[in-house]
């Protein structure tokens, strides 16, 4: 059994952009997982990926 805890933090009232260097990602089967490098509990798994324009 796996337990997940979700906490919503609303500290970004002013959008200051996102430093993508703070994140890493890897393929997990047919899904893609994005992780916050500073918080191992903060991750998102997606079963759908999209190419973004440059």
C-alpha atoms as a PDB file:
ATOM      1  CA  UNK A   1       0.000   0.000   0.000  1.00  0.00           C
ATOM      2  CA  UNK A   2       1.234   3.500  -0.819  1.00  0.00           C
ATOM      3  CA  UNK A   3       0.085   6.582   1.066  1.00  0.00           C
ATOM      4  CA  UNK A   4       0.262  10.026  -0.476  1.00  0.00           C
ATOM      5  CA  UNK A   5      -0.074  13.357   1.263  1.00  0.00           C
ATOM      6  CA  UNK A   6      -1.072  16.445  -0.703  1.00  0.00           C
ATOM      7  CA  UNK A   7      -0.534  19.948   0.610  1.00  0.00           C
ATOM      8  CA  UNK A   8      -1.604  23.048  -1.305  1.00  0.00           C
ATOM      9  CA  UNK A   9       0.690  26.021  -0.797  1.00  0.00           C
ATOM     10  CA  UNK A  10      -0.624  29.356  -2.020  1.00  0.00           C
ATOM     11  CA  UNK A  11       2.467  31.494  -1.635  1.00  0.00           C
ATOM     12  CA  UNK A  12       2.851  32.517  -5.277  1.00  0.00           C
ATOM     13  CA  UNK A  13       0.325  35.333  -5.427  1.00  0.00           C
ATOM     14  CA  UNK A  14       2.656  37.245  -7.741  1.00  0.00           C
ATOM     15  CA  UNK A  15       3.920  35.179 -10.629  1.00  0.00           C
ATOM     16  CA  UNK A  16       7.685  35.428 -10.620  1.00  0.00           C
ATOM     17  CA  UNK A  17       8.305  32.618 -13.086  1.00  0.00           C
ATOM     18  CA  UNK A  18       9.653  29.164 -12.447  1.00  0.00           C
ATOM     19  CA  UNK A  19      13.281  28.134 -12.356  1.00  0.00           C
ATOM     20  CA  UNK A  20      13.217  24.790 -14.147  1.00  0.00           C
ATOM     21  CA  UNK A  21      16.647  23.949 -12.714  1.00  0.00           C
ATOM     22  CA  UNK A  22      14.797  23.143  -9.469  1.00  0.00           C
ATOM     23  CA  UNK A  23      13.101  20.168 -11.163  1.00  0.00           C
ATOM     24  CA  UNK A  24      14.120  16.887 -12.732  1.00  0.00           C
ATOM     25  CA  UNK A  25      12.170  14.238 -14.587  1.00  0.00           C
ATOM     26  CA  UNK A  26      12.335  10.664 -15.754  1.00  0.00           C
ATOM     27  CA  UNK A  27      10.314   8.165 -17.755  1.00  0.00           C
ATOM     28  CA  UNK A  28       8.524   5.482 -15.730  1.00  0.00           C
ATOM     29  CA  UNK A  29       7.098   2.941 -18.117  1.00  0.00           C
ATOM     30  CA  UNK A  30       4.720   4.887 -20.342  1.00  0.00           C
ATOM     31  CA  UNK A  31       4.413   7.749 -17.827  1.00  0.00           C
ATOM     32  CA  UNK A  32       6.684  10.720 -17.172  1.00  0.00           C
ATOM     33  CA  UNK A  33       7.491  11.798 -13.607  1.00  0.00           C
ATOM     34  CA  UNK A  34       8.531  15.355 -12.692  1.00  0.00           C
ATOM     35  CA  UNK A  35      10.192  15.849  -9.279  1.00  0.00           C
ATOM     36  CA  UNK A  36      11.177  18.866  -7.209  1.00  0.00           C
ATOM     37  CA  UNK A  37      14.898  18.471  -6.424  1.00  0.00           C
ATOM     38  CA  UNK A  38      14.516  20.156  -3.023  1.00  0.00           C
ATOM     39  CA  UNK A  39      11.499  18.115  -1.856  1.00  0.00           C
ATOM     40  CA  UNK A  40      11.459  14.420  -2.663  1.00  0.00           C
ATOM     41  CA  UNK A  41       7.764  14.241  -1.723  1.00  0.00           C
ATOM     42  CA  UNK A  42       6.798  16.761  -4.424  1.00  0.00           C
ATOM     43  CA  UNK A  43       6.268  14.908  -7.685  1.00  0.00           C
ATOM     44  CA  UNK A  44       3.759  14.640 -10.515  1.00  0.00           C
ATOM     45  CA  UNK A  45       3.259  11.615 -12.771  1.00  0.00           C
ATOM     46  CA  UNK A  46       1.656  12.108 -16.158  1.00  0.00           C
ATOM     47  CA  UNK A  47       0.396   9.481 -18.573  1.00  0.00           C
ATOM     48  CA  UNK A  48       0.032  12.112 -21.326  1.00  0.00           C
ATOM     49  CA  UNK A  49       2.917  14.254 -22.566  1.00  0.00           C
ATOM     50  CA  UNK A  50       2.897  17.130 -25.049  1.00  0.00           C
ATOM     51  CA  UNK A  51       5.737  18.759 -26.975  1.00  0.00           C
ATOM     52  CA  UNK A  52       5.874  22.502 -26.296  1.00  0.00           C
ATOM     53  CA  UNK A  53       6.870  24.921 -29.039  1.00  0.00           C
ATOM     54  CA  UNK A  54      10.318  26.538 -28.601  1.00  0.00           C
END
